[in-house]
């Protein structure tokens, strides 16, 4: 049994996924400069969480949290932009 058991290590977290999330965040910030500081803060928080993670599950949780917060930031900004353009004439 021991030879088939996978011992999870920090290195098993998919670093490519983290890089993809960082790239997405940077592109969103480039497209919407008004959220650049918020995205920068999210990236710093994400990197700190990844650096302090001791288990792949912690790194995965950090990635999921980062993705949710980035999505919320983008949706808030996109909604505000749409609201500023689409006004009822009444």
PDB file of N, CA and C in Angstrom:
ATOM      1  N   UNK A   1       0.819  -1.186   0.000  1.00  0.00           N
ATOM      2  CA  UNK A   1       0.000   0.000   0.000  1.00  0.00           C
ATOM      3  C   UNK A   1       0.864   1.251   0.000  1.00  0.00           C
ATOM      4  N   UNK A   2       1.945   1.250   0.746  1.00  0.00           N
ATOM      5  CA  UNK A   2       2.775   2.441   0.873  1.00  0.00           C
ATOM      6  C   UNK A   2       3.374   2.855  -0.463  1.00  0.00           C
ATOM      7  N   UNK A   3       3.661   1.913  -1.339  1.00  0.00           N
ATOM      8  CA  UNK A   3       4.283   2.270  -2.605  1.00  0.00           C
ATOM      9  C   UNK A   3       3.285   2.901  -3.579  1.00  0.00           C
ATOM     10  N   UNK A   4       2.000   2.792  -3.325  1.00  0.00           N
ATOM     11  CA  UNK A   4       1.009   3.399  -4.208  1.00  0.00           C
ATOM     12  C   UNK A   4       0.401   4.665  -3.621  1.00  0.00           C
ATOM     13  N   UNK A   5       0.791   5.019  -2.417  1.00  0.00           N
ATOM     14  CA  UNK A   5       0.255   6.202  -1.758  1.00  0.00           C
ATOM     15  C   UNK A   5       1.021   7.427  -2.234  1.00  0.00           C
ATOM     16  N   UNK A   6       0.280   8.415  -2.657  1.00  0.00           N
ATOM     17  CA  UNK A   6       0.889   9.655  -3.101  1.00  0.00           C
ATOM     18  C   UNK A   6       0.970  10.618  -1.936  1.00  0.00           C
ATOM     19  N   UNK A   7       2.177  10.986  -1.582  1.00  0.00           N
ATOM     20  CA  UNK A   7       2.359  11.960  -0.517  1.00  0.00           C
ATOM     21  C   UNK A   7       2.366  13.334  -1.147  1.00  0.00           C
ATOM     22  N   UNK A   8       1.401  14.151  -0.768  1.00  0.00           N
ATOM     23  CA  UNK A   8       1.282  15.473  -1.348  1.00  0.00           C
ATOM     24  C   UNK A   8       2.378  16.386  -0.825  1.00  0.00           C
ATOM     25  N   UNK A   9       2.972  17.109  -1.743  1.00  0.00           N
ATOM     26  CA  UNK A   9       3.991  18.083  -1.379  1.00  0.00           C
ATOM     27  C   UNK A   9       3.618  19.418  -1.994  1.00  0.00           C
ATOM     28  N   UNK A  10       4.262  20.447  -1.518  1.00  0.00           N
ATOM     29  CA  UNK A  10       4.006  21.798  -2.021  1.00  0.00           C
ATOM     30  C   UNK A  10       4.254  21.867  -3.530  1.00  0.00           C
ATOM     31  N   UNK A  11       5.208  21.103  -4.016  1.00  0.00           N
ATOM     32  CA  UNK A  11       5.582  21.154  -5.418  1.00  0.00           C
ATOM     33  C   UNK A  11       4.496  20.602  -6.350  1.00  0.00           C
ATOM     34  N   UNK A  12       3.524  19.887  -5.809  1.00  0.00           N
ATOM     35  CA  UNK A  12       2.483  19.313  -6.651  1.00  0.00           C
ATOM     36  C   UNK A  12       1.443  20.338  -7.087  1.00  0.00           C
ATOM     37  N   UNK A  13       1.409  21.490  -6.452  1.00  0.00           N
ATOM     38  CA  UNK A  13       0.494  22.536  -6.889  1.00  0.00           C
ATOM     39  C   UNK A  13       0.902  22.970  -8.288  1.00  0.00           C
ATOM     40  N   UNK A  14      -0.063  23.162  -9.142  1.00  0.00           N
ATOM     41  CA  UNK A  14       0.193  23.508 -10.537  1.00  0.00           C
ATOM     42  C   UNK A  14       0.642  24.968 -10.647  1.00  0.00           C
ATOM     43  N   UNK A  15       1.940  25.166 -10.766  1.00  0.00           N
ATOM     44  CA  UNK A  15       2.489  26.525 -10.861  1.00  0.00           C
ATOM     45  C   UNK A  15       2.037  27.207 -12.144  1.00  0.00           C
ATOM     46  N   UNK A  16       1.756  26.434 -13.174  1.00  0.00           N
ATOM     47  CA  UNK A  16       1.277  27.015 -14.431  1.00  0.00           C
ATOM     48  C   UNK A  16      -0.085  27.677 -14.231  1.00  0.00           C
ATOM     49  N   UNK A  17      -0.917  27.088 -13.399  1.00  0.00           N
ATOM     50  CA  UNK A  17      -2.224  27.678 -13.095  1.00  0.00           C
ATOM     51  C   UNK A  17      -2.044  29.034 -12.415  1.00  0.00           C
ATOM     52  N   UNK A  18      -1.122  29.106 -11.474  1.00  0.00           N
ATOM     53  CA  UNK A  18      -0.856  30.367 -10.775  1.00  0.00           C
ATOM     54  C   UNK A  18      -0.341  31.412 -11.765  1.00  0.00           C
ATOM     55  N   UNK A  19       0.532  31.009 -12.670  1.00  0.00           N
ATOM     56  CA  UNK A  19       1.038  31.943 -13.679  1.00  0.00           C
ATOM     57  C   UNK A  19      -0.073  32.427 -14.605  1.00  0.00           C
ATOM     58  N   UNK A  20      -0.972  31.526 -14.969  1.00  0.00           N
ATOM     59  CA  UNK A  20      -2.109  31.918 -15.811  1.00  0.00           C
ATOM     60  C   UNK A  20      -2.997  32.939 -15.099  1.00  0.00           C
ATOM     61  N   UNK A  21      -3.227  32.732 -13.815  1.00  0.00           N
ATOM     62  CA  UNK A  21      -4.044  33.678 -13.047  1.00  0.00           C
ATOM     63  C   UNK A  21      -3.365  35.043 -12.963  1.00  0.00           C
ATOM     64  N   UNK A  22      -2.054  35.036 -12.746  1.00  0.00           N
ATOM     65  CA  UNK A  22      -1.315  36.302 -12.694  1.00  0.00           C
ATOM     66  C   UNK A  22      -1.391  37.038 -14.035  1.00  0.00           C
ATOM     67  N   UNK A  23      -1.225  36.290 -15.120  1.00  0.00           N
ATOM     68  CA  UNK A  23      -1.294  36.894 -16.456  1.00  0.00           C
ATOM     69  C   UNK A  23      -2.670  37.488 -16.708  1.00  0.00           C
ATOM     70  N   UNK A  24      -3.711  36.755 -16.349  1.00  0.00           N
ATOM     71  CA  UNK A  24      -5.076  37.259 -16.507  1.00  0.00           C
ATOM     72  C   UNK A  24      -5.270  38.547 -15.723  1.00  0.00           C
ATOM     73  N   UNK A  25      -4.804  38.554 -14.489  1.00  0.00           N
ATOM     74  CA  UNK A  25      -4.954  39.746 -13.645  1.00  0.00           C
ATOM     75  C   UNK A  25      -4.241  40.947 -14.265  1.00  0.00           C
ATOM     76  N   UNK A  26      -3.046  40.736 -14.757  1.00  0.00           N
ATOM     77  CA  UNK A  26      -2.297  41.841 -15.363  1.00  0.00           C
ATOM     78  C   UNK A  26      -2.992  42.368 -16.617  1.00  0.00           C
ATOM     79  N   UNK A  27      -3.544  41.471 -17.397  1.00  0.00           N
ATOM     80  CA  UNK A  27      -4.256  41.902 -18.609  1.00  0.00           C
ATOM     81  C   UNK A  27      -5.518  42.679 -18.268  1.00  0.00           C
ATOM     82  N   UNK A  28      -6.223  42.238 -17.244  1.00  0.00           N
ATOM     83  CA  UNK A  28      -7.409  42.977 -16.813  1.00  0.00           C
ATOM     84  C   UNK A  28      -7.028  44.371 -16.329  1.00  0.00           C
ATOM     85  N   UNK A  29      -5.940  44.462 -15.581  1.00  0.00           N
ATOM     86  CA  UNK A  29      -5.486  45.759 -15.090  1.00  0.00           C
ATOM     87  C   UNK A  29      -5.053  46.656 -16.244  1.00  0.00           C
ATOM     88  N   UNK A  30      -4.461  46.068 -17.278  1.00  0.00           N
ATOM     89  CA  UNK A  30      -4.066  46.852 -18.456  1.00  0.00           C
ATOM     90  C   UNK A  30      -5.293  47.394 -19.186  1.00  0.00           C
ATOM     91  N   UNK A  31      -6.351  46.593 -19.232  1.00  0.00           N
ATOM     92  CA  UNK A  31      -7.572  47.005 -19.924  1.00  0.00           C
ATOM     93  C   UNK A  31      -8.413  47.985 -19.108  1.00  0.00           C
ATOM     94  N   UNK A  32      -8.263  47.950 -17.803  1.00  0.00           N
ATOM     95  CA  UNK A  32      -9.036  48.838 -16.921  1.00  0.00           C
ATOM     96  C   UNK A  32      -8.084  49.435 -15.887  1.00  0.00           C
ATOM     97  N   UNK A  33      -7.393  50.513 -16.259  1.00  0.00           N
ATOM     98  CA  UNK A  33      -6.405  51.104 -15.352  1.00  0.00           C
ATOM     99  C   UNK A  33      -6.963  51.506 -13.986  1.00  0.00           C
ATOM    100  N   UNK A  34      -8.263  51.748 -13.906  1.00  0.00           N
ATOM    101  CA  UNK A  34      -8.847  52.144 -12.623  1.00  0.00           C
ATOM    102  C   UNK A  34      -8.807  51.030 -11.584  1.00  0.00           C
ATOM    103  N   UNK A  35      -8.579  49.793 -11.998  1.00  0.00           N
ATOM    104  CA  UNK A  35      -8.478  48.702 -11.025  1.00  0.00           C
ATOM    105  C   UNK A  35      -7.040  48.228 -10.844  1.00  0.00           C
ATOM    106  N   UNK A  36      -6.094  48.919 -11.456  1.00  0.00           N
ATOM    107  CA  UNK A  36      -4.697  48.480 -11.401  1.00  0.00           C
ATOM    108  C   UNK A  36      -4.185  48.358  -9.973  1.00  0.00           C
ATOM    109  N   UNK A  37      -4.503  49.316  -9.111  1.00  0.00           N
ATOM    110  CA  UNK A  37      -4.006  49.238  -7.728  1.00  0.00           C
ATOM    111  C   UNK A  37      -4.660  48.084  -6.972  1.00  0.00           C
ATOM    112  N   UNK A  38      -5.950  47.862  -7.215  1.00  0.00           N
ATOM    113  CA  UNK A  38      -6.631  46.740  -6.559  1.00  0.00           C
ATOM    114  C   UNK A  38      -6.047  45.407  -7.027  1.00  0.00           C
ATOM    115  N   UNK A  39      -5.786  45.309  -8.319  1.00  0.00           N
ATOM    116  CA  UNK A  39      -5.204  44.078  -8.864  1.00  0.00           C
ATOM    117  C   UNK A  39      -3.799  43.870  -8.316  1.00  0.00           C
ATOM    118  N   UNK A  40      -3.037  44.941  -8.206  1.00  0.00           N
ATOM    119  CA  UNK A  40      -1.691  44.844  -7.645  1.00  0.00           C
ATOM    120  C   UNK A  40      -1.747  44.313  -6.209  1.00  0.00           C
ATOM    121  N   UNK A  41      -2.682  44.816  -5.440  1.00  0.00           N
ATOM    122  CA  UNK A  41      -2.856  44.335  -4.063  1.00  0.00           C
ATOM    123  C   UNK A  41      -3.244  42.852  -4.054  1.00  0.00           C
ATOM    124  N   UNK A  42      -4.154  42.463  -4.933  1.00  0.00           N
ATOM    125  CA  UNK A  42      -4.559  41.057  -5.011  1.00  0.00           C
ATOM    126  C   UNK A  42      -3.374  40.167  -5.375  1.00  0.00           C
ATOM    127  N   UNK A  43      -2.547  40.622  -6.318  1.00  0.00           N
ATOM    128  CA  UNK A  43      -1.380  39.840  -6.723  1.00  0.00           C
ATOM    129  C   UNK A  43      -0.394  39.675  -5.568  1.00  0.00           C
ATOM    130  N   UNK A  44      -0.158  40.743  -4.815  1.00  0.00           N
ATOM    131  CA  UNK A  44       0.759  40.654  -3.672  1.00  0.00           C
ATOM    132  C   UNK A  44       0.215  39.689  -2.623  1.00  0.00           C
ATOM    133  N   UNK A  45      -1.080  39.766  -2.372  1.00  0.00           N
ATOM    134  CA  UNK A  45      -1.707  38.874  -1.395  1.00  0.00           C
ATOM    135  C   UNK A  45      -1.621  37.421  -1.864  1.00  0.00           C
ATOM    136  N   UNK A  46      -1.875  37.203  -3.148  1.00  0.00           N
ATOM    137  CA  UNK A  46      -1.811  35.865  -3.734  1.00  0.00           C
ATOM    138  C   UNK A  46      -0.396  35.297  -3.626  1.00  0.00           C
ATOM    139  N   UNK A  47       0.591  36.095  -4.005  1.00  0.00           N
ATOM    140  CA  UNK A  47       1.972  35.626  -3.950  1.00  0.00           C
ATOM    141  C   UNK A  47       2.393  35.300  -2.514  1.00  0.00           C
ATOM    142  N   UNK A  48       1.963  36.120  -1.565  1.00  0.00           N
ATOM    143  CA  UNK A  48       2.292  35.860  -0.161  1.00  0.00           C
ATOM    144  C   UNK A  48       1.634  34.569   0.323  1.00  0.00           C
ATOM    145  N   UNK A  49       0.395  34.350  -0.087  1.00  0.00           N
ATOM    146  CA  UNK A  49      -0.311  33.129   0.322  1.00  0.00           C
ATOM    147  C   UNK A  49       0.350  31.895  -0.274  1.00  0.00           C
ATOM    148  N   UNK A  50       0.777  31.997  -1.528  1.00  0.00           N
ATOM    149  CA  UNK A  50       1.460  30.861  -2.149  1.00  0.00           C
ATOM    150  C   UNK A  50       2.799  30.593  -1.466  1.00  0.00           C
ATOM    151  N   UNK A  51       3.523  31.651  -1.159  1.00  0.00           N
ATOM    152  CA  UNK A  51       4.828  31.486  -0.528  1.00  0.00           C
ATOM    153  C   UNK A  51       4.727  30.863   0.862  1.00  0.00           C
ATOM    154  N   UNK A  52       3.656  31.161   1.567  1.00  0.00           N
ATOM    155  CA  UNK A  52       3.509  30.637   2.922  1.00  0.00           C
ATOM    156  C   UNK A  52       2.783  29.292   2.974  1.00  0.00           C
ATOM    157  N   UNK A  53       2.276  28.827   1.845  1.00  0.00           N
ATOM    158  CA  UNK A  53       1.552  27.553   1.861  1.00  0.00           C
ATOM    159  C   UNK A  53       2.518  26.396   2.082  1.00  0.00           C
ATOM    160  N   UNK A  54       2.088  25.454   2.885  1.00  0.00           N
ATOM    161  CA  UNK A  54       2.917  24.290   3.187  1.00  0.00           C
ATOM    162  C   UNK A  54       2.325  23.005   2.617  1.00  0.00           C
ATOM    163  N   UNK A  55       1.174  23.126   2.000  1.00  0.00           N
ATOM    164  CA  UNK A  55       0.470  21.958   1.468  1.00  0.00           C
ATOM    165  C   UNK A  55      -0.202  22.371   0.166  1.00  0.00           C
ATOM    166  N   UNK A  56      -0.290  21.478  -0.808  1.00  0.00           N
ATOM    167  CA  UNK A  56      -0.939  21.840  -2.069  1.00  0.00           C
ATOM    168  C   UNK A  56      -2.375  22.339  -1.907  1.00  0.00           C
ATOM    169  N   UNK A  57      -3.070  21.834  -0.908  1.00  0.00           N
ATOM    170  CA  UNK A  57      -4.452  22.287  -0.687  1.00  0.00           C
ATOM    171  C   UNK A  57      -4.479  23.762  -0.289  1.00  0.00           C
ATOM    172  N   UNK A  58      -3.488  24.212   0.461  1.00  0.00           N
ATOM    173  CA  UNK A  58      -3.411  25.623   0.825  1.00  0.00           C
ATOM    174  C   UNK A  58      -3.131  26.492  -0.405  1.00  0.00           C
ATOM    175  N   UNK A  59      -2.264  26.013  -1.272  1.00  0.00           N
ATOM    176  CA  UNK A  59      -1.962  26.749  -2.495  1.00  0.00           C
ATOM    177  C   UNK A  59      -3.187  26.798  -3.402  1.00  0.00           C
ATOM    178  N   UNK A  60      -3.904  25.703  -3.478  1.00  0.00           N
ATOM    179  CA  UNK A  60      -5.124  25.663  -4.292  1.00  0.00           C
ATOM    180  C   UNK A  60      -6.172  26.610  -3.731  1.00  0.00           C
ATOM    181  N   UNK A  61      -6.312  26.645  -2.423  1.00  0.00           N
ATOM    182  CA  UNK A  61      -7.256  27.564  -1.793  1.00  0.00           C
ATOM    183  C   UNK A  61      -6.861  29.015  -2.070  1.00  0.00           C
ATOM    184  N   UNK A  62      -5.575  29.300  -2.035  1.00  0.00           N
ATOM    185  CA  UNK A  62      -5.099  30.651  -2.341  1.00  0.00           C
ATOM    186  C   UNK A  62      -5.444  31.023  -3.780  1.00  0.00           C
ATOM    187  N   UNK A  63      -5.278  30.082  -4.701  1.00  0.00           N
ATOM    188  CA  UNK A  63      -5.603  30.343  -6.108  1.00  0.00           C
ATOM    189  C   UNK A  63      -7.098  30.573  -6.294  1.00  0.00           C
ATOM    190  N   UNK A  64      -7.913  29.770  -5.627  1.00  0.00           N
ATOM    191  CA  UNK A  64      -9.357  29.938  -5.734  1.00  0.00           C
ATOM    192  C   UNK A  64      -9.809  31.265  -5.137  1.00  0.00           C
ATOM    193  N   UNK A  65      -9.243  31.624  -4.004  1.00  0.00           N
ATOM    194  CA  UNK A  65      -9.588  32.897  -3.366  1.00  0.00           C
ATOM    195  C   UNK A  65      -9.181  34.065  -4.255  1.00  0.00           C
ATOM    196  N   UNK A  66      -7.986  33.992  -4.812  1.00  0.00           N
ATOM    197  CA  UNK A  66      -7.511  35.042  -5.713  1.00  0.00           C
ATOM    198  C   UNK A  66      -8.437  35.170  -6.916  1.00  0.00           C
ATOM    199  N   UNK A  67      -8.810  34.052  -7.517  1.00  0.00           N
ATOM    200  CA  UNK A  67      -9.678  34.082  -8.698  1.00  0.00           C
ATOM    201  C   UNK A  67     -11.048  34.681  -8.370  1.00  0.00           C
ATOM    202  N   UNK A  68     -11.618  34.317  -7.224  1.00  0.00           N
ATOM    203  CA  UNK A  68     -12.916  34.875  -6.823  1.00  0.00           C
ATOM    204  C   UNK A  68     -12.827  36.379  -6.592  1.00  0.00           C
ATOM    205  N   UNK A  69     -11.782  36.819  -5.916  1.00  0.00           N
ATOM    206  CA  UNK A  69     -11.627  38.245  -5.644  1.00  0.00           C
ATOM    207  C   UNK A  69     -11.350  39.040  -6.919  1.00  0.00           C
ATOM    208  N   UNK A  70     -10.574  38.470  -7.806  1.00  0.00           N
ATOM    209  CA  UNK A  70     -10.307  39.128  -9.087  1.00  0.00           C
ATOM    210  C   UNK A  70     -11.589  39.246  -9.902  1.00  0.00           C
ATOM    211  N   UNK A  71     -12.376  38.190  -9.914  1.00  0.00           N
ATOM    212  CA  UNK A  71     -13.654  38.212 -10.637  1.00  0.00           C
ATOM    213  C   UNK A  71     -14.580  39.273 -10.057  1.00  0.00           C
ATOM    214  N   UNK A  72     -14.666  39.335  -8.734  1.00  0.00           N
ATOM    215  CA  UNK A  72     -15.528  40.332  -8.083  1.00  0.00           C
ATOM    216  C   UNK A  72     -15.078  41.745  -8.422  1.00  0.00           C
ATOM    217  N   UNK A  73     -13.788  41.963  -8.415  1.00  0.00           N
ATOM    218  CA  UNK A  73     -13.238  43.282  -8.749  1.00  0.00           C
ATOM    219  C   UNK A  73     -13.596  43.656 -10.187  1.00  0.00           C
ATOM    220  N   UNK A  74     -13.400  42.706 -11.093  1.00  0.00           N
ATOM    221  CA  UNK A  74     -13.687  42.975 -12.505  1.00  0.00           C
ATOM    222  C   UNK A  74     -15.181  43.211 -12.730  1.00  0.00           C
ATOM    223  N   UNK A  75     -16.025  42.393 -12.130  1.00  0.00           N
ATOM    224  CA  UNK A  75     -17.468  42.543 -12.321  1.00  0.00           C
ATOM    225  C   UNK A  75     -17.976  43.867 -11.756  1.00  0.00           C
ATOM    226  N   UNK A  76     -17.440  44.278 -10.628  1.00  0.00           N
ATOM    227  CA  UNK A  76     -17.825  45.566 -10.054  1.00  0.00           C
ATOM    228  C   UNK A  76     -17.452  46.699 -10.997  1.00  0.00           C
ATOM    229  N   UNK A  77     -16.257  46.636 -11.540  1.00  0.00           N
ATOM    230  CA  UNK A  77     -15.795  47.667 -12.470  1.00  0.00           C
ATOM    231  C   UNK A  77     -16.602  47.645 -13.767  1.00  0.00           C
ATOM    232  N   UNK A  78     -16.832  46.463 -14.298  1.00  0.00           N
ATOM    233  CA  UNK A  78     -17.605  46.348 -15.533  1.00  0.00           C
ATOM    234  C   UNK A  78     -19.037  46.825 -15.324  1.00  0.00           C
ATOM    235  N   UNK A  79     -19.616  46.499 -14.186  1.00  0.00           N
ATOM    236  CA  UNK A  79     -20.975  46.945 -13.887  1.00  0.00           C
ATOM    237  C   UNK A  79     -21.060  48.451 -13.742  1.00  0.00           C
ATOM    238  N   UNK A  80     -20.068  49.039 -13.112  1.00  0.00           N
ATOM    239  CA  UNK A  80     -20.053  50.500 -12.955  1.00  0.00           C
ATOM    240  C   UNK A  80     -19.902  51.181 -14.307  1.00  0.00           C
ATOM    241  N   UNK A  81     -19.086  50.612 -15.165  1.00  0.00           N
ATOM    242  CA  UNK A  81     -18.897  51.190 -16.504  1.00  0.00           C
ATOM    243  C   UNK A  81     -20.193  51.099 -17.308  1.00  0.00           C
ATOM    244  N   UNK A  82     -20.837  49.956 -17.248  1.00  0.00           N
ATOM    245  CA  UNK A  82     -22.104  49.813 -17.972  1.00  0.00           C
ATOM    246  C   UNK A  82     -23.150  50.753 -17.422  1.00  0.00           C
ATOM    247  N   UNK A  83     -23.209  50.907 -16.125  1.00  0.00           N
ATOM    248  CA  UNK A  83     -24.189  51.795 -15.504  1.00  0.00           C
ATOM    249  C   UNK A  83     -23.948  53.246 -15.884  1.00  0.00           C
ATOM    250  N   UNK A  84     -22.704  53.595 -16.114  1.00  0.00           N
ATOM    251  CA  UNK A  84     -22.409  54.987 -16.474  1.00  0.00           C
ATOM    252  C   UNK A  84     -22.817  55.304 -17.916  1.00  0.00           C
ATOM    253  N   UNK A  85     -22.966  54.292 -18.732  1.00  0.00           N
ATOM    254  CA  UNK A  85     -23.315  54.486 -20.133  1.00  0.00           C
ATOM    255  C   UNK A  85     -24.815  54.286 -20.369  1.00  0.00           C
ATOM    256  N   UNK A  86     -25.357  53.246 -19.770  1.00  0.00           N
ATOM    257  CA  UNK A  86     -26.756  52.900 -20.012  1.00  0.00           C
ATOM    258  C   UNK A  86     -27.636  53.480 -18.929  1.00  0.00           C
ATOM    259  N   UNK A  87     -28.141  54.646 -19.152  1.00  0.00           N
ATOM    260  CA  UNK A  87     -29.036  55.325 -18.213  1.00  0.00           C
ATOM    261  C   UNK A  87     -30.430  55.413 -18.801  1.00  0.00           C
ATOM    262  N   UNK A  88     -31.375  55.287 -17.937  1.00  0.00           N
ATOM    263  CA  UNK A  88     -32.761  55.440 -18.364  1.00  0.00           C
ATOM    264  C   UNK A  88     -33.037  56.915 -18.665  1.00  0.00           C
ATOM    265  N   UNK A  89     -33.751  57.207 -19.737  1.00  0.00           N
ATOM    266  CA  UNK A  89     -34.025  58.608 -20.058  1.00  0.00           C
ATOM    267  C   UNK A  89     -35.046  59.263 -19.127  1.00  0.00           C
ATOM    268  N   UNK A  90     -35.641  58.499 -18.252  1.00  0.00           N
ATOM    269  CA  UNK A  90     -36.647  59.075 -17.344  1.00  0.00           C
ATOM    270  C   UNK A  90     -36.069  59.548 -16.059  1.00  0.00           C
TER     271      UNK A  90
END
